[in-house]
PDB file of N, CA and C in Angstrom:
ATOM      1  N   MET A   1     103.022 187.190  44.684  1.00  0.00           N
ATOM      2  CA  MET A   1     103.678 186.228  45.549  1.00  0.00           C
ATOM      3  C   MET A   1     105.158 186.159  45.227  1.00  0.00           C
ATOM      4  N   ASP A   2     105.924 186.089  46.247  1.00  0.00           N
ATOM      5  CA  ASP A   2     107.369 186.096  46.114  1.00  0.00           C
ATOM      6  C   ASP A   2     107.907 184.658  46.036  1.00  0.00           C
ATOM      7  N   ILE A   3     108.617 184.367  44.952  1.00  0.00           N
ATOM      8  CA  ILE A   3     109.230 183.051  44.803  1.00  0.00           C
ATOM      9  C   ILE A   3     110.647 183.128  45.370  1.00  0.00           C
ATOM     10  N   GLN A   4     110.916 182.270  46.339  1.00  0.00           N
ATOM     11  CA  GLN A   4     112.226 182.231  46.992  1.00  0.00           C
ATOM     12  C   GLN A   4     113.031 181.054  46.464  1.00  0.00           C
ATOM     13  N   HIS A   5     114.344 181.114  46.668  1.00  0.00           N
ATOM     14  CA  HIS A   5     115.250 180.070  46.185  1.00  0.00           C
ATOM     15  C   HIS A   5     116.086 179.568  47.352  1.00  0.00           C
ATOM     16  N   LYS A   6     116.171 178.264  47.470  1.00  0.00           N
ATOM     17  CA  LYS A   6     116.991 177.643  48.510  1.00  0.00           C
ATOM     18  C   LYS A   6     117.905 176.633  47.822  1.00  0.00           C
ATOM     19  N   THR A   7     119.193 176.665  48.147  1.00  0.00           N
ATOM     20  CA  THR A   7     120.119 175.708  47.554  1.00  0.00           C
ATOM     21  C   THR A   7     120.842 174.938  48.640  1.00  0.00           C
ATOM     22  N   GLY A   8     121.180 173.719  48.297  1.00  0.00           N
ATOM     23  CA  GLY A   8     121.965 172.866  49.171  1.00  0.00           C
ATOM     24  C   GLY A   8     123.218 172.459  48.427  1.00  0.00           C
ATOM     25  N   GLU A   9     123.834 171.413  48.875  1.00  0.00           N
ATOM     26  CA  GLU A   9     125.073 170.956  48.255  1.00  0.00           C
ATOM     27  C   GLU A   9     124.854 170.524  46.802  1.00  0.00           C
ATOM     28  N   SER A  10     123.812 169.752  46.549  1.00  0.00           N
ATOM     29  CA  SER A  10     123.552 169.304  45.176  1.00  0.00           C
ATOM     30  C   SER A  10     122.070 169.347  44.816  1.00  0.00           C
ATOM     31  N   LYS A  11     121.269 169.975  45.666  1.00  0.00           N
ATOM     32  CA  LYS A  11     119.830 170.088  45.431  1.00  0.00           C
ATOM     33  C   LYS A  11     119.383 171.519  45.694  1.00  0.00           C
ATOM     34  N   GLY A  12     118.218 171.833  45.170  1.00  0.00           N
ATOM     35  CA  GLY A  12     117.679 173.161  45.412  1.00  0.00           C
ATOM     36  C   GLY A  12     116.183 173.174  45.195  1.00  0.00           C
ATOM     37  N   SER A  13     115.575 174.303  45.527  1.00  0.00           N
ATOM     38  CA  SER A  13     114.147 174.454  45.304  1.00  0.00           C
ATOM     39  C   SER A  13     113.795 175.923  45.151  1.00  0.00           C
ATOM     40  N   PHE A  14     112.701 176.144  44.460  1.00  0.00           N
ATOM     41  CA  PHE A  14     112.064 177.441  44.382  1.00  0.00           C
ATOM     42  C   PHE A  14     110.726 177.252  45.069  1.00  0.00           C
ATOM     43  N   PHE A  15     110.347 178.182  45.923  1.00  0.00           N
ATOM     44  CA  PHE A  15     109.139 177.960  46.706  1.00  0.00           C
ATOM     45  C   PHE A  15     108.440 179.263  47.069  1.00  0.00           C
ATOM     46  N   ILE A  16     107.187 179.116  47.431  1.00  0.00           N
ATOM     47  CA  ILE A  16     106.382 180.224  47.938  1.00  0.00           C
ATOM     48  C   ILE A  16     106.005 179.863  49.358  1.00  0.00           C
ATOM     49  N   GLU A  17     106.320 180.771  50.261  1.00  0.00           N
ATOM     50  CA  GLU A  17     106.056 180.540  51.675  1.00  0.00           C
ATOM     51  C   GLU A  17     105.113 181.616  52.197  1.00  0.00           C
ATOM     52  N   GLU A  18     104.112 181.190  52.957  1.00  0.00           N
ATOM     53  CA  GLU A  18     103.185 182.117  53.599  1.00  0.00           C
ATOM     54  C   GLU A  18     102.988 181.682  55.043  1.00  0.00           C
ATOM     55  N   ASP A  19     103.085 182.614  55.946  1.00  0.00           N
ATOM     56  CA  ASP A  19     102.891 182.332  57.368  1.00  0.00           C
ATOM     57  C   ASP A  19     103.760 181.178  57.856  1.00  0.00           C
ATOM     58  N   GLY A  20     104.994 181.112  57.351  1.00  0.00           N
ATOM     59  CA  GLY A  20     105.933 180.088  57.786  1.00  0.00           C
ATOM     60  C   GLY A  20     105.712 178.716  57.183  1.00  0.00           C
ATOM     61  N   LYS A  21     104.766 178.603  56.249  1.00  0.00           N
ATOM     62  CA  LYS A  21     104.481 177.316  55.620  1.00  0.00           C
ATOM     63  C   LYS A  21     104.722 177.401  54.120  1.00  0.00           C
ATOM     64  N   ILE A  22     105.341 176.355  53.574  1.00  0.00           N
ATOM     65  CA  ILE A  22     105.572 176.302  52.130  1.00  0.00           C
ATOM     66  C   ILE A  22     104.268 175.926  51.461  1.00  0.00           C
ATOM     67  N   LYS A  23     103.801 176.804  50.569  1.00  0.00           N
ATOM     68  CA  LYS A  23     102.522 176.615  49.886  1.00  0.00           C
ATOM     69  C   LYS A  23     102.692 176.031  48.488  1.00  0.00           C
ATOM     70  N   ALA A  24     103.876 176.215  47.905  1.00  0.00           N
ATOM     71  CA  ALA A  24     104.156 175.680  46.574  1.00  0.00           C
ATOM     72  C   ALA A  24     105.665 175.566  46.424  1.00  0.00           C
ATOM     73  N   LYS A  25     106.100 174.527  45.667  1.00  0.00           N
ATOM     74  CA  LYS A  25     107.542 174.386  45.463  1.00  0.00           C
ATOM     75  C   LYS A  25     107.833 173.558  44.218  1.00  0.00           C
ATOM     76  N   ILE A  26     109.012 173.790  43.692  1.00  0.00           N
ATOM     77  CA  ILE A  26     109.564 172.968  42.618  1.00  0.00           C
ATOM     78  C   ILE A  26     110.977 172.626  43.064  1.00  0.00           C
ATOM     79  N   THR A  27     111.347 171.363  42.961  1.00  0.00           N
ATOM     80  CA  THR A  27     112.672 170.944  43.432  1.00  0.00           C
ATOM     81  C   THR A  27     113.509 170.439  42.270  1.00  0.00           C
ATOM     82  N   TYR A  28     114.811 170.578  42.442  1.00  0.00           N
ATOM     83  CA  TYR A  28     115.744 170.110  41.419  1.00  0.00           C
ATOM     84  C   TYR A  28     116.993 169.540  42.065  1.00  0.00           C
ATOM     85  N   SER A  29     117.679 168.706  41.292  1.00  0.00           N
ATOM     86  CA  SER A  29     118.967 168.154  41.692  1.00  0.00           C
ATOM     87  C   SER A  29     119.977 168.533  40.628  1.00  0.00           C
ATOM     88  N   GLU A  30     121.193 168.787  41.042  1.00  0.00           N
ATOM     89  CA  GLU A  30     122.254 169.066  40.083  1.00  0.00           C
ATOM     90  C   GLU A  30     122.697 167.753  39.447  1.00  0.00           C
ATOM     91  N   ALA A  31     122.951 167.796  38.152  1.00  0.00           N
ATOM     92  CA  ALA A  31     123.454 166.632  37.417  1.00  0.00           C
ATOM     93  C   ALA A  31     124.757 167.071  36.772  1.00  0.00           C
ATOM     94  N   GLY A  32     125.829 166.953  37.520  1.00  0.00           N
ATOM     95  CA  GLY A  32     127.103 167.479  37.038  1.00  0.00           C
ATOM     96  C   GLY A  32     127.125 168.988  37.179  1.00  0.00           C
ATOM     97  N   GLN A  33     127.995 169.618  36.422  1.00  0.00           N
ATOM     98  CA  GLN A  33     128.146 171.068  36.539  1.00  0.00           C
ATOM     99  C   GLN A  33     127.316 171.846  35.530  1.00  0.00           C
ATOM    100  N   SER A  34     126.691 171.146  34.585  1.00  0.00           N
ATOM    101  CA  SER A  34     126.013 171.879  33.528  1.00  0.00           C
ATOM    102  C   SER A  34     124.527 171.556  33.379  1.00  0.00           C
ATOM    103  N   LYS A  35     123.968 170.732  34.283  1.00  0.00           N
ATOM    104  CA  LYS A  35     122.568 170.339  34.152  1.00  0.00           C
ATOM    105  C   LYS A  35     121.879 170.311  35.510  1.00  0.00           C
ATOM    106  N   ILE A  36     120.565 170.539  35.458  1.00  0.00           N
ATOM    107  CA  ILE A  36     119.726 170.307  36.634  1.00  0.00           C
ATOM    108  C   ILE A  36     118.576 169.399  36.212  1.00  0.00           C
ATOM    109  N   ILE A  37     118.131 168.600  37.158  1.00  0.00           N
ATOM    110  CA  ILE A  37     116.994 167.712  36.951  1.00  0.00           C
ATOM    111  C   ILE A  37     115.838 168.250  37.788  1.00  0.00           C
ATOM    112  N   ILE A  38     114.771 168.689  37.120  1.00  0.00           N
ATOM    113  CA  ILE A  38     113.568 169.097  37.846  1.00  0.00           C
ATOM    114  C   ILE A  38     112.823 167.822  38.182  1.00  0.00           C
ATOM    115  N   ASP A  39     112.691 167.544  39.480  1.00  0.00           N
ATOM    116  CA  ASP A  39     112.143 166.254  39.876  1.00  0.00           C
ATOM    117  C   ASP A  39     110.781 166.297  40.562  1.00  0.00           C
ATOM    118  N   HIS A  40     110.320 167.471  40.962  1.00  0.00           N
ATOM    119  CA  HIS A  40     109.035 167.499  41.676  1.00  0.00           C
ATOM    120  C   HIS A  40     108.467 168.916  41.675  1.00  0.00           C
ATOM    121  N   THR A  41     107.162 169.002  41.476  1.00  0.00           N
ATOM    122  CA  THR A  41     106.432 170.263  41.608  1.00  0.00           C
ATOM    123  C   THR A  41     105.216 169.989  42.475  1.00  0.00           C
ATOM    124  N   GLU A  42     104.967 170.885  43.405  1.00  0.00           N
ATOM    125  CA  GLU A  42     103.849 170.704  44.328  1.00  0.00           C
ATOM    126  C   GLU A  42     103.212 172.058  44.624  1.00  0.00           C
ATOM    127  N   VAL A  43     101.882 172.104  44.558  1.00  0.00           N
ATOM    128  CA  VAL A  43     101.143 173.335  44.852  1.00  0.00           C
ATOM    129  C   VAL A  43     100.016 172.984  45.812  1.00  0.00           C
ATOM    130  N   SER A  44      99.866 173.763  46.867  1.00  0.00           N
ATOM    131  CA  SER A  44      98.809 173.497  47.846  1.00  0.00           C
ATOM    132  C   SER A  44      97.434 173.677  47.207  1.00  0.00           C
ATOM    133  N   ASP A  45      96.441 173.033  47.783  1.00  0.00           N
ATOM    134  CA  ASP A  45      95.076 173.117  47.257  1.00  0.00           C
ATOM    135  C   ASP A  45      94.597 174.560  47.154  1.00  0.00           C
ATOM    136  N   GLU A  46      94.945 175.378  48.125  1.00  0.00           N
ATOM    137  CA  GLU A  46      94.457 176.762  48.129  1.00  0.00           C
ATOM    138  C   GLU A  46      95.053 177.614  47.006  1.00  0.00           C
ATOM    139  N   LEU A  47      96.176 177.193  46.440  1.00  0.00           N
ATOM    140  CA  LEU A  47      96.798 177.963  45.353  1.00  0.00           C
ATOM    141  C   LEU A  47      96.577 177.330  43.976  1.00  0.00           C
ATOM    142  N   ARG A  48      95.955 176.179  43.933  1.00  0.00           N
ATOM    143  CA  ARG A  48      95.714 175.514  42.641  1.00  0.00           C
ATOM    144  C   ARG A  48      94.805 176.358  41.772  1.00  0.00           C
ATOM    145  N   GLY A  49      95.039 176.278  40.457  1.00  0.00           N
ATOM    146  CA  GLY A  49      94.224 177.024  39.510  1.00  0.00           C
ATOM    147  C   GLY A  49      94.651 178.465  39.326  1.00  0.00           C
ATOM    148  N   LYS A  50      95.775 178.845  39.925  1.00  0.00           N
ATOM    149  CA  LYS A  50      96.259 180.225  39.841  1.00  0.00           C
ATOM    150  C   LYS A  50      97.565 180.324  39.064  1.00  0.00           C
ATOM    151  N   SER A  51      97.901 179.276  38.317  1.00  0.00           N
ATOM    152  CA  SER A  51      99.123 179.219  37.494  1.00  0.00           C
ATOM    153  C   SER A  51     100.411 179.332  38.312  1.00  0.00           C
ATOM    154  N   ILE A  52     100.343 178.954  39.572  1.00  0.00           N
ATOM    155  CA  ILE A  52     101.527 179.007  40.439  1.00  0.00           C
ATOM    156  C   ILE A  52     102.551 177.965  39.996  1.00  0.00           C
ATOM    157  N   GLY A  53     102.100 176.764  39.674  1.00  0.00           N
ATOM    158  CA  GLY A  53     103.020 175.722  39.212  1.00  0.00           C
ATOM    159  C   GLY A  53     103.758 176.153  37.958  1.00  0.00           C
ATOM    160  N   LYS A  54     103.042 176.748  37.030  1.00  0.00           N
ATOM    161  CA  LYS A  54     103.652 177.236  35.793  1.00  0.00           C
ATOM    162  C   LYS A  54     104.680 178.331  36.097  1.00  0.00           C
ATOM    163  N   ALA A  55     104.351 179.207  37.028  1.00  0.00           N
ATOM    164  CA  ALA A  55     105.288 180.273  37.417  1.00  0.00           C
ATOM    165  C   ALA A  55     106.567 179.685  38.007  1.00  0.00           C
ATOM    166  N   LEU A  56     106.429 178.617  38.792  1.00  0.00           N
ATOM    167  CA  LEU A  56     107.610 177.967  39.373  1.00  0.00           C
ATOM    168  C   LEU A  56     108.477 177.342  38.288  1.00  0.00           C
ATOM    169  N   VAL A  57     107.837 176.699  37.303  1.00  0.00           N
ATOM    170  CA  VAL A  57     108.599 176.109  36.193  1.00  0.00           C
ATOM    171  C   VAL A  57     109.352 177.199  35.447  1.00  0.00           C
ATOM    172  N   LYS A  58     108.687 178.300  35.141  1.00  0.00           N
ATOM    173  CA  LYS A  58     109.336 179.404  34.427  1.00  0.00           C
ATOM    174  C   LYS A  58     110.496 179.969  35.243  1.00  0.00           C
ATOM    175  N   HIS A  59     110.319 180.038  36.545  1.00  0.00           N
ATOM    176  CA  HIS A  59     111.383 180.541  37.418  1.00  0.00           C
ATOM    177  C   HIS A  59     112.599 179.615  37.365  1.00  0.00           C
ATOM    178  N   ALA A  60     112.367 178.308  37.392  1.00  0.00           N
ATOM    179  CA  ALA A  60     113.461 177.339  37.308  1.00  0.00           C
ATOM    180  C   ALA A  60     114.163 177.424  35.953  1.00  0.00           C
ATOM    181  N   VAL A  61     113.393 177.608  34.888  1.00  0.00           N
ATOM    182  CA  VAL A  61     113.980 177.746  33.551  1.00  0.00           C
ATOM    183  C   VAL A  61     114.832 179.007  33.476  1.00  0.00           C
ATOM    184  N   ASN A  62     114.343 180.104  34.028  1.00  0.00           N
ATOM    185  CA  ASN A  62     115.136 181.346  34.025  1.00  0.00           C
ATOM    186  C   ASN A  62     116.422 181.193  34.826  1.00  0.00           C
ATOM    187  N   TYR A  63     116.342 180.479  35.937  1.00  0.00           N
ATOM    188  CA  TYR A  63     117.541 180.195  36.734  1.00  0.00           C
ATOM    189  C   TYR A  63     118.552 179.411  35.895  1.00  0.00           C
ATOM    190  N   ALA A  64     118.063 178.415  35.167  1.00  0.00           N
ATOM    191  CA  ALA A  64     118.943 177.612  34.310  1.00  0.00           C
ATOM    192  C   ALA A  64     119.596 178.491  33.240  1.00  0.00           C
ATOM    193  N   ARG A  65     118.823 179.360  32.629  1.00  0.00           N
ATOM    194  CA  ARG A  65     119.373 180.266  31.611  1.00  0.00           C
ATOM    195  C   ARG A  65     120.457 181.164  32.191  1.00  0.00           C
ATOM    196  N   GLU A  66     120.161 181.775  33.322  1.00  0.00           N
ATOM    197  CA  GLU A  66     121.104 182.700  33.954  1.00  0.00           C
ATOM    198  C   GLU A  66     122.415 182.019  34.338  1.00  0.00           C
ATOM    199  N   ASN A  67     122.347 180.720  34.610  1.00  0.00           N
ATOM    200  CA  ASN A  67     123.523 179.978  35.045  1.00  0.00           C
ATOM    201  C   ASN A  67     124.063 179.037  33.968  1.00  0.00           C
ATOM    202  N   GLU A  68     123.579 179.220  32.737  1.00  0.00           N
ATOM    203  CA  GLU A  68     124.007 178.428  31.587  1.00  0.00           C
ATOM    204  C   GLU A  68     123.922 176.931  31.855  1.00  0.00           C
ATOM    205  N   LEU A  69     122.759 176.519  32.360  1.00  0.00           N
ATOM    206  CA  LEU A  69     122.499 175.121  32.680  1.00  0.00           C
ATOM    207  C   LEU A  69     121.459 174.550  31.717  1.00  0.00           C
ATOM    208  N   ARG A  70     121.519 173.262  31.520  1.00  0.00           N
ATOM    209  CA  ARG A  70     120.504 172.539  30.766  1.00  0.00           C
ATOM    210  C   ARG A  70     119.538 171.924  31.774  1.00  0.00           C
ATOM    211  N   VAL A  71     118.303 171.710  31.350  1.00  0.00           N
ATOM    212  CA  VAL A  71     117.264 171.176  32.229  1.00  0.00           C
ATOM    213  C   VAL A  71     116.808 169.810  31.725  1.00  0.00           C
ATOM    214  N   ILE A  72     116.722 168.871  32.646  1.00  0.00           N
ATOM    215  CA  ILE A  72     116.133 167.564  32.378  1.00  0.00           C
ATOM    216  C   ILE A  72     114.857 167.522  33.225  1.00  0.00           C
ATOM    217  N   PRO A  73     113.680 167.663  32.600  1.00  0.00           N
ATOM    218  CA  PRO A  73     112.437 167.703  33.377  1.00  0.00           C
ATOM    219  C   PRO A  73     111.861 166.306  33.626  1.00  0.00           C
ATOM    220  N   LEU A  74     112.227 165.689  34.719  1.00  0.00           N
ATOM    221  CA  LEU A  74     111.683 164.378  35.064  1.00  0.00           C
ATOM    222  C   LEU A  74     110.300 164.491  35.701  1.00  0.00           C
ATOM    223  N   CYS A  75     109.996 165.607  36.297  1.00  0.00           N
ATOM    224  CA  CYS A  75     108.677 165.845  36.870  1.00  0.00           C
ATOM    225  C   CYS A  75     107.670 165.944  35.720  1.00  0.00           C
ATOM    226  N   PRO A  76     106.622 165.109  35.713  1.00  0.00           N
ATOM    227  CA  PRO A  76     105.652 165.139  34.618  1.00  0.00           C
ATOM    228  C   PRO A  76     104.997 166.504  34.409  1.00  0.00           C
ATOM    229  N   PHE A  77     104.708 167.212  35.489  1.00  0.00           N
ATOM    230  CA  PHE A  77     104.086 168.528  35.361  1.00  0.00           C
ATOM    231  C   PHE A  77     105.032 169.504  34.672  1.00  0.00           C
ATOM    232  N   ALA A  78     106.274 169.588  35.172  1.00  0.00           N
ATOM    233  CA  ALA A  78     107.260 170.505  34.577  1.00  0.00           C
ATOM    234  C   ALA A  78     107.509 170.145  33.116  1.00  0.00           C
ATOM    235  N   LYS A  79     107.599 168.861  32.844  1.00  0.00           N
ATOM    236  CA  LYS A  79     107.835 168.414  31.471  1.00  0.00           C
ATOM    237  C   LYS A  79     106.709 168.867  30.552  1.00  0.00           C
ATOM    238  N   SER A  80     105.470 168.738  30.993  1.00  0.00           N
ATOM    239  CA  SER A  80     104.340 169.130  30.150  1.00  0.00           C
ATOM    240  C   SER A  80     104.315 170.642  29.916  1.00  0.00           C
ATOM    241  N   ILE A  81     104.652 171.418  30.919  1.00  0.00           N
ATOM    242  CA  ILE A  81     104.677 172.875  30.765  1.00  0.00           C
ATOM    243  C   ILE A  81     105.749 173.265  29.750  1.00  0.00           C
ATOM    244  N   ILE A  82     106.931 172.697  29.881  1.00  0.00           N
ATOM    245  CA  ILE A  82     108.036 173.033  28.972  1.00  0.00           C
ATOM    246  C   ILE A  82     107.728 172.571  27.549  1.00  0.00           C
ATOM    247  N   GLU A  83     107.166 171.384  27.398  1.00  0.00           N
ATOM    248  CA  GLU A  83     106.867 170.862  26.063  1.00  0.00           C
ATOM    249  C   GLU A  83     105.800 171.682  25.345  1.00  0.00           C
ATOM    250  N   ARG A  84     104.881 172.307  26.096  1.00  0.00           N
ATOM    251  CA  ARG A  84     103.814 173.099  25.480  1.00  0.00           C
ATOM    252  C   ARG A  84     104.204 174.547  25.198  1.00  0.00           C
ATOM    253  N   ASP A  85     105.341 174.985  25.701  1.00  0.00           N
ATOM    254  CA  ASP A  85     105.743 176.387  25.538  1.00  0.00           C
ATOM    255  C   ASP A  85     107.122 176.453  24.889  1.00  0.00           C
ATOM    256  N   GLU A  86     107.149 176.754  23.603  1.00  0.00           N
ATOM    257  CA  GLU A  86     108.418 176.788  22.869  1.00  0.00           C
ATOM    258  C   GLU A  86     109.427 177.765  23.468  1.00  0.00           C
ATOM    259  N   SER A  87     108.962 178.820  24.112  1.00  0.00           N
ATOM    260  CA  SER A  87     109.874 179.810  24.682  1.00  0.00           C
ATOM    261  C   SER A  87     110.677 179.259  25.863  1.00  0.00           C
ATOM    262  N   LEU A  88     110.290 178.082  26.361  1.00  0.00           N
ATOM    263  CA  LEU A  88     111.006 177.468  27.491  1.00  0.00           C
ATOM    264  C   LEU A  88     111.935 176.346  27.056  1.00  0.00           C
ATOM    265  N   GLN A  89     111.856 175.952  25.803  1.00  0.00           N
ATOM    266  CA  GLN A  89     112.538 174.740  25.366  1.00  0.00           C
ATOM    267  C   GLN A  89     114.033 174.918  25.064  1.00  0.00           C
ATOM    268  N   ASP A  90     114.528 176.129  25.089  1.00  0.00           N
ATOM    269  CA  ASP A  90     115.955 176.343  24.811  1.00  0.00           C
ATOM    270  C   ASP A  90     116.877 175.737  25.860  1.00  0.00           C
ATOM    271  N   VAL A  91     116.333 175.427  27.042  1.00  0.00           N
ATOM    272  CA  VAL A  91     117.159 174.887  28.121  1.00  0.00           C
ATOM    273  C   VAL A  91     117.163 173.362  28.178  1.00  0.00           C
ATOM    274  N   LEU A  92     116.372 172.734  27.301  1.00  0.00           N
ATOM    275  CA  LEU A  92     116.309 171.284  27.337  1.00  0.00           C
ATOM    276  C   LEU A  92     117.628 170.666  26.930  1.00  0.00           C
ATOM    277  N   LYS A  93     117.958 169.541  27.519  1.00  0.00           N
ATOM    278  CA  LYS A  93     119.192 168.826  27.234  1.00  0.00           C
ATOM    279  C   LYS A  93     119.170 168.298  25.811  1.00  0.00           C
TER     280      LYS A  93
END
């Protein structure tokens, strides 16, 4: 599955789209020039149990690394994934 990225003026998302419908997404808001706040993760029922949410979190973390950003995970799901995986914690504020 292809994870796409959409950005706006101060918000963005990573998402999976099939047949014109968003099936999974993680959203973030910019917090200044050096941080992003992950605020929501959502996965459709048909994709649950396939580690899609975890893949979206990892994608957001990689984006933060590539852009030298810190991550504030306000989304409980994203926060739990990052807290359980030490390899993702380098981006935490």
